[in-house]
Amino acid sequence: MSGVEDLPGWAAAIVSLLLIIGASIVLIGALGLLRLRTFYQRMHGPAITITLGAGCLLIASMVFFTVGQSRLVVHEVIISAFLLMTAPVVSMMIIRAAVYRDLRARKGESGATAGGVYTIVEDEVSSSPAPGER
């Protein structure tokens, strides 16, 4: 088999459905990235949808090439496993770096303290004189 025109109907339907679902999920994630206000809200769109949307696209590719070549093609499984392992970790590291940056800069309005997990503690000015000032 050389192309889409030689693909059986059942395989074409599965590939088309998976491509439409995957593309829709990725589009929804991109719209979430554009629509939401703060950085922390914007991270949810791509972080959550990349695994499901990319997974649907990779499964569609796997079905297409498996049927087209009449043998099991598993390259996409390796790519999917890599995405499933790295995407959540990368998202978490980006969010933690942003929280650390906002807490260091004492930006309470940025959203770093919104969940109540992190708080900004104001430094107390001591009433005793500094060393050397007597």
Protein backbone atom coordinates (compact mmCIF):
# COMPACT_ATOMS: atom_id res chain seq x y z
CA MET A 1 0.00 0.00 0.00
CA SER A 2 1.38 3.36 -0.95
CA GLY A 3 -1.04 6.01 0.26
CA VAL A 4 -4.32 7.08 1.69
CA GLU A 5 -6.28 5.96 -1.36
CA ASP A 6 -5.29 2.33 -0.68
CA LEU A 7 -6.28 2.45 3.01
CA PRO A 8 -9.29 0.27 3.96
CA GLY A 9 -12.46 2.08 5.00
CA TRP A 10 -12.39 0.95 8.62
CA ALA A 11 -8.79 2.13 9.06
CA ALA A 12 -9.51 5.44 7.33
CA ALA A 13 -12.45 6.02 9.68
CA ILE A 14 -10.35 5.28 12.78
CA VAL A 15 -7.46 7.46 11.59
CA SER A 16 -9.81 10.32 10.65
CA LEU A 17 -11.63 10.16 13.98
CA LEU A 18 -8.40 10.13 15.98
CA LEU A 19 -6.96 13.01 13.94
CA ILE A 20 -10.09 15.12 14.45
CA ILE A 21 -10.21 14.37 18.20
CA GLY A 22 -6.48 15.02 18.64
CA ALA A 23 -6.52 18.25 16.66
CA SER A 24 -9.60 19.46 18.57
CA ILE A 25 -7.94 18.78 21.93
CA VAL A 26 -4.75 20.59 20.88
CA LEU A 27 -6.84 23.53 19.60
CA ILE A 28 -8.73 23.74 22.90
CA GLY A 29 -5.40 23.77 24.75
CA ALA A 30 -4.10 26.56 22.52
CA LEU A 31 -7.27 28.59 23.07
CA GLY A 32 -6.84 28.11 26.81
CA LEU A 33 -3.32 29.45 26.48
CA LEU A 34 -4.66 32.57 24.76
CA ARG A 35 -7.78 33.11 26.89
CA LEU A 36 -6.65 32.71 30.48
CA ARG A 37 -5.26 35.67 32.40
CA THR A 38 -2.39 34.65 34.67
CA PHE A 39 0.65 32.54 33.91
CA TYR A 40 -0.47 29.81 36.28
CA GLN A 41 -3.88 29.55 34.62
CA ARG A 42 -2.26 29.56 31.18
CA MET A 43 -0.10 26.58 32.06
CA HIS A 44 -3.16 24.33 32.49
CA GLY A 45 -4.19 24.46 28.83
CA PRO A 46 -1.03 23.10 27.23
CA ALA A 47 0.07 20.99 30.21
CA ILE A 48 -3.10 18.93 30.36
CA THR A 49 -3.99 18.72 26.68
CA ILE A 50 -0.59 17.97 25.20
CA THR A 51 -0.56 14.38 26.43
CA LEU A 52 -4.09 13.51 25.30
CA GLY A 53 -4.01 15.46 22.01
CA ALA A 54 -0.57 14.26 21.02
CA GLY A 55 -1.51 10.74 22.09
CA CYS A 56 -4.50 10.71 19.72
CA LEU A 57 -2.35 12.02 16.86
CA LEU A 58 0.34 9.42 17.50
CA ILE A 59 -2.17 6.56 17.70
CA ALA A 60 -3.68 7.73 14.39
CA SER A 61 -0.20 7.67 12.87
CA MET A 62 0.44 4.21 14.29
CA VAL A 63 -2.82 2.82 12.86
CA PHE A 64 -2.17 4.42 9.48
CA PHE A 65 1.35 3.04 9.08
CA THR A 66 0.52 -0.35 10.61
CA VAL A 67 -2.30 -0.91 8.12
CA GLY A 68 -0.34 0.67 5.25
CA GLN A 69 2.77 -1.47 5.74
CA SER A 70 0.96 -4.65 6.88
CA ARG A 71 3.21 -4.92 9.92
CA LEU A 72 3.17 -3.55 13.43
CA VAL A 73 4.74 -0.09 13.62
CA VAL A 74 5.64 0.85 17.18
CA HIS A 75 7.78 3.97 16.75
CA GLU A 76 4.83 6.05 17.91
CA VAL A 77 4.52 4.03 21.12
CA ILE A 78 8.06 5.02 22.03
CA ILE A 79 7.30 8.68 21.26
CA SER A 80 4.08 8.48 23.32
CA ALA A 81 5.92 6.96 26.27
CA PHE A 82 8.52 9.72 26.10
CA LEU A 83 5.80 12.40 25.98
CA LEU A 84 3.89 10.84 28.87
CA MET A 85 7.04 10.80 30.99
CA THR A 86 8.42 14.23 30.16
CA ALA A 87 5.47 16.59 29.56
CA PRO A 88 4.11 16.59 33.15
CA VAL A 89 7.60 16.89 34.61
CA VAL A 90 8.51 19.82 32.36
CA SER A 91 5.22 21.59 33.16
CA MET A 92 5.77 21.10 36.89
CA MET A 93 9.33 22.42 36.70
CA ILE A 94 8.23 25.52 34.76
CA ILE A 95 5.47 26.23 37.29
CA ARG A 96 7.80 25.73 40.26
CA ALA A 97 10.37 28.06 38.72
CA ALA A 98 7.67 30.71 38.25
CA VAL A 99 6.46 30.30 41.85
CA TYR A 100 10.02 30.62 43.12
CA ARG A 101 10.57 33.74 40.99
CA ASP A 102 7.32 35.35 42.17
CA LEU A 103 7.95 34.55 45.82
CA ARG A 104 11.48 35.96 45.63
CA ALA A 105 10.14 39.12 43.99
CA ARG A 106 7.29 39.26 46.57
CA LYS A 107 4.62 39.38 43.87
CA GLY A 108 1.53 38.30 45.80
CA GLU A 109 -0.83 39.45 43.04
CA SER A 110 0.77 37.16 40.43
CA GLY A 111 -1.10 34.09 41.63
CA ALA A 112 1.76 32.28 43.39
CA THR A 113 -0.07 32.51 46.73
CA ALA A 114 -3.57 31.82 45.36
CA GLY A 115 -3.89 28.23 46.59
CA GLY A 116 -2.67 28.98 50.09
CA VAL A 117 0.28 26.60 49.74
CA TYR A 118 2.86 29.35 49.52
CA THR A 119 2.83 32.56 51.52
CA ILE A 120 4.93 35.68 51.44
CA VAL A 121 6.32 36.44 54.86
CA GLU A 122 7.28 40.03 55.47
CA ASP A 123 10.64 40.52 57.17
CA GLU A 124 10.28 41.83 60.68
CA VAL A 125 12.39 44.84 61.53
CA SER A 126 14.21 44.11 64.78
CA SER A 127 14.06 46.67 67.54
CA SER A 128 17.63 46.07 68.63
CA PRO A 129 20.32 48.13 66.95
CA ALA A 130 22.45 46.61 64.25
CA PRO A 131 25.92 45.43 65.26
CA GLY A 132 28.28 48.34 65.43
CA GLU A 133 25.48 50.89 66.06
CA ARG A 134 25.42 51.70 69.75
